[in-house]
Amino acid sequence: VNDPQGVTVRQGLASLGFGEVTDVRVGKYIEVRLDATSEREARERVDAMCSRLLANHVIEDYHFELEHERKGAMR
């Protein structure tokens, strides 16, 4: 499914230095897939993404959940 808003957000994240993001889907929820070496790194990076681009702090709060995904695994 084509997600132009997701593509735009992924490009914005890349321009802010979040090059590890491989995919973004935007809807009621935002789903971000990224490559990280540890859970701690993933948490820190996602929190920074939310703070800098994904959440409008004037009207929105945010929280996130991490899911581990093995390469080649089906979701």
N, C-alpha and C. Protein backbone atom coordinates (compact mmCIF):
# COMPACT_ATOMS: atom_id res chain seq x y z
N VAL A 1 0.84 -1.18 0.00
CA VAL A 1 0.00 0.00 0.00
C VAL A 1 0.89 1.24 0.00
N ASN A 2 0.63 2.13 -0.90
CA ASN A 2 1.39 3.37 -1.00
C ASN A 2 1.05 4.28 0.18
N ASP A 3 2.06 4.79 0.85
CA ASP A 3 1.87 5.67 2.01
C ASP A 3 2.74 6.91 1.83
N PRO A 4 2.25 7.90 1.06
CA PRO A 4 3.05 9.09 0.80
C PRO A 4 3.47 9.83 2.07
N GLN A 5 2.59 9.88 3.07
CA GLN A 5 2.95 10.56 4.31
C GLN A 5 4.08 9.81 5.02
N GLY A 6 4.03 8.49 4.99
CA GLY A 6 5.09 7.68 5.58
C GLY A 6 6.43 7.91 4.89
N VAL A 7 6.40 7.98 3.57
CA VAL A 7 7.63 8.24 2.80
C VAL A 7 8.19 9.62 3.17
N THR A 8 7.33 10.61 3.27
CA THR A 8 7.77 11.96 3.63
C THR A 8 8.38 11.99 5.03
N VAL A 9 7.75 11.30 5.98
CA VAL A 9 8.28 11.26 7.34
C VAL A 9 9.63 10.54 7.36
N ARG A 10 9.74 9.41 6.63
CA ARG A 10 11.02 8.69 6.58
C ARG A 10 12.12 9.59 6.03
N GLN A 11 11.82 10.34 4.98
CA GLN A 11 12.81 11.26 4.41
C GLN A 11 13.18 12.37 5.41
N GLY A 12 12.19 12.87 6.13
CA GLY A 12 12.46 13.89 7.15
C GLY A 12 13.35 13.36 8.26
N LEU A 13 13.07 12.13 8.69
CA LEU A 13 13.91 11.51 9.72
C LEU A 13 15.34 11.33 9.22
N ALA A 14 15.48 10.90 7.97
CA ALA A 14 16.83 10.73 7.41
C ALA A 14 17.58 12.06 7.38
N SER A 15 16.88 13.13 7.03
CA SER A 15 17.56 14.43 6.97
C SER A 15 17.94 14.94 8.36
N LEU A 16 17.28 14.41 9.41
CA LEU A 16 17.63 14.78 10.78
C LEU A 16 18.69 13.85 11.38
N GLY A 17 19.19 12.91 10.56
CA GLY A 17 20.26 12.04 11.02
C GLY A 17 19.81 10.67 11.49
N PHE A 18 18.55 10.31 11.25
CA PHE A 18 18.05 8.99 11.64
C PHE A 18 18.08 8.06 10.43
N GLY A 19 19.27 7.81 9.91
CA GLY A 19 19.44 7.00 8.72
C GLY A 19 19.13 5.53 8.90
N GLU A 20 19.01 5.07 10.15
CA GLU A 20 18.73 3.66 10.40
C GLU A 20 17.28 3.29 10.15
N VAL A 21 16.40 4.28 9.96
CA VAL A 21 14.98 4.00 9.72
C VAL A 21 14.83 3.40 8.33
N THR A 22 14.18 2.25 8.26
CA THR A 22 14.00 1.57 6.98
C THR A 22 12.59 1.70 6.43
N ASP A 23 11.60 2.01 7.28
CA ASP A 23 10.23 2.12 6.81
C ASP A 23 9.41 2.89 7.84
N VAL A 24 8.44 3.68 7.37
CA VAL A 24 7.52 4.40 8.25
C VAL A 24 6.12 4.28 7.66
N ARG A 25 5.15 3.97 8.50
CA ARG A 25 3.74 3.94 8.12
C ARG A 25 3.01 4.91 9.03
N VAL A 26 2.19 5.78 8.45
CA VAL A 26 1.47 6.77 9.24
C VAL A 26 -0.03 6.53 9.10
N GLY A 27 -0.70 6.48 10.19
CA GLY A 27 -2.16 6.34 10.25
C GLY A 27 -2.58 6.78 11.63
N LYS A 28 -3.45 6.00 12.25
CA LYS A 28 -3.82 6.29 13.63
C LYS A 28 -2.59 6.14 14.52
N TYR A 29 -1.76 5.20 14.16
CA TYR A 29 -0.48 4.98 14.83
C TYR A 29 0.62 5.16 13.80
N ILE A 30 1.81 5.42 14.26
CA ILE A 30 2.97 5.49 13.37
C ILE A 30 3.83 4.28 13.66
N GLU A 31 4.13 3.52 12.63
CA GLU A 31 5.00 2.35 12.76
C GLU A 31 6.33 2.67 12.11
N VAL A 32 7.40 2.50 12.86
CA VAL A 32 8.75 2.77 12.37
C VAL A 32 9.57 1.51 12.51
N ARG A 33 10.23 1.11 11.46
CA ARG A 33 11.17 0.00 11.51
C ARG A 33 12.57 0.57 11.39
N LEU A 34 13.46 0.09 12.25
CA LEU A 34 14.82 0.58 12.20
C LEU A 34 15.79 -0.51 12.59
N ASP A 35 17.02 -0.33 12.18
CA ASP A 35 18.10 -1.23 12.56
C ASP A 35 18.80 -0.62 13.77
N ALA A 36 18.93 -1.40 14.83
CA ALA A 36 19.62 -0.93 16.04
C ALA A 36 20.43 -2.08 16.61
N THR A 37 21.51 -1.74 17.29
CA THR A 37 22.38 -2.78 17.85
C THR A 37 21.92 -3.26 19.21
N SER A 38 21.03 -2.50 19.87
CA SER A 38 20.54 -2.91 21.19
C SER A 38 19.16 -2.30 21.43
N GLU A 39 18.45 -2.85 22.41
CA GLU A 39 17.15 -2.29 22.77
C GLU A 39 17.31 -0.87 23.30
N ARG A 40 18.36 -0.65 24.07
CA ARG A 40 18.60 0.69 24.62
C ARG A 40 18.79 1.72 23.50
N GLU A 41 19.60 1.35 22.51
CA GLU A 41 19.82 2.26 21.38
C GLU A 41 18.50 2.53 20.66
N ALA A 42 17.70 1.49 20.43
CA ALA A 42 16.42 1.66 19.75
C ALA A 42 15.51 2.61 20.53
N ARG A 43 15.43 2.42 21.85
CA ARG A 43 14.59 3.30 22.69
C ARG A 43 15.06 4.76 22.60
N GLU A 44 16.35 4.97 22.71
CA GLU A 44 16.88 6.33 22.67
C GLU A 44 16.61 6.99 21.32
N ARG A 45 16.80 6.24 20.24
CA ARG A 45 16.61 6.80 18.90
C ARG A 45 15.14 7.09 18.63
N VAL A 46 14.25 6.16 19.00
CA VAL A 46 12.82 6.39 18.76
C VAL A 46 12.33 7.56 19.59
N ASP A 47 12.77 7.67 20.84
CA ASP A 47 12.37 8.80 21.66
C ASP A 47 12.83 10.12 21.03
N ALA A 48 14.04 10.14 20.51
CA ALA A 48 14.55 11.34 19.85
C ALA A 48 13.75 11.67 18.59
N MET A 49 13.37 10.64 17.82
CA MET A 49 12.55 10.86 16.62
C MET A 49 11.22 11.49 16.98
N CYS A 50 10.59 10.96 18.03
CA CYS A 50 9.30 11.50 18.47
C CYS A 50 9.45 12.95 18.91
N SER A 51 10.48 13.22 19.68
CA SER A 51 10.69 14.58 20.20
C SER A 51 10.98 15.58 19.09
N ARG A 52 11.73 15.15 18.09
CA ARG A 52 12.19 16.10 17.06
C ARG A 52 11.27 16.22 15.87
N LEU A 53 10.47 15.18 15.56
CA LEU A 53 9.69 15.26 14.33
C LEU A 53 8.29 14.65 14.43
N LEU A 54 8.16 13.51 15.05
CA LEU A 54 6.92 12.74 14.93
C LEU A 54 5.77 13.25 15.78
N ALA A 55 6.04 13.88 16.90
CA ALA A 55 4.97 14.34 17.79
C ALA A 55 4.92 15.86 17.82
N ASN A 56 3.70 16.39 17.75
CA ASN A 56 3.47 17.82 17.91
C ASN A 56 3.20 18.05 19.39
N HIS A 57 4.18 18.52 20.11
CA HIS A 57 4.09 18.64 21.57
C HIS A 57 3.03 19.62 22.04
N VAL A 58 2.55 20.48 21.17
CA VAL A 58 1.51 21.43 21.55
C VAL A 58 0.17 20.72 21.73
N ILE A 59 -0.10 19.73 20.89
CA ILE A 59 -1.42 19.08 20.93
C ILE A 59 -1.36 17.57 21.14
N GLU A 60 -0.18 16.98 21.20
CA GLU A 60 -0.07 15.53 21.28
C GLU A 60 0.89 15.09 22.38
N ASP A 61 0.59 13.95 22.96
CA ASP A 61 1.52 13.21 23.79
C ASP A 61 1.90 11.97 22.98
N TYR A 62 2.95 11.28 23.39
CA TYR A 62 3.31 10.07 22.67
C TYR A 62 3.84 9.03 23.64
N HIS A 63 3.73 7.80 23.21
CA HIS A 63 4.42 6.69 23.86
C HIS A 63 4.73 5.69 22.75
N PHE A 64 5.66 4.80 23.02
CA PHE A 64 6.01 3.83 21.99
C PHE A 64 6.30 2.49 22.63
N GLU A 65 6.17 1.47 21.79
CA GLU A 65 6.48 0.10 22.19
C GLU A 65 7.48 -0.44 21.19
N LEU A 66 8.40 -1.25 21.67
CA LEU A 66 9.38 -1.88 20.79
C LEU A 66 8.99 -3.33 20.57
N GLU A 67 9.14 -3.79 19.36
CA GLU A 67 8.97 -5.20 19.03
C GLU A 67 10.24 -5.66 18.34
N HIS A 68 10.75 -6.79 18.78
CA HIS A 68 11.93 -7.36 18.13
C HIS A 68 11.48 -8.09 16.87
N GLU A 69 12.22 -7.90 15.82
CA GLU A 69 11.89 -8.57 14.56
C GLU A 69 13.17 -9.19 14.02
N ARG A 70 13.14 -10.50 13.86
CA ARG A 70 14.31 -11.18 13.29
C ARG A 70 14.33 -10.97 11.79
N LYS A 71 15.52 -10.80 11.26
CA LYS A 71 15.64 -10.65 9.81
C LYS A 71 15.08 -11.89 9.13
N GLY A 72 14.26 -11.66 8.12
CA GLY A 72 13.66 -12.76 7.39
C GLY A 72 12.41 -13.31 8.04
N ALA A 73 12.08 -12.86 9.24
CA ALA A 73 10.88 -13.34 9.91
C ALA A 73 9.65 -12.67 9.31
N MET A 74 8.56 -13.38 9.31
CA MET A 74 7.32 -12.83 8.80
C MET A 74 6.56 -12.18 9.94
N ARG A 75 5.89 -11.06 9.67
CA ARG A 75 5.07 -10.38 10.68
C ARG A 75 3.63 -10.55 10.39
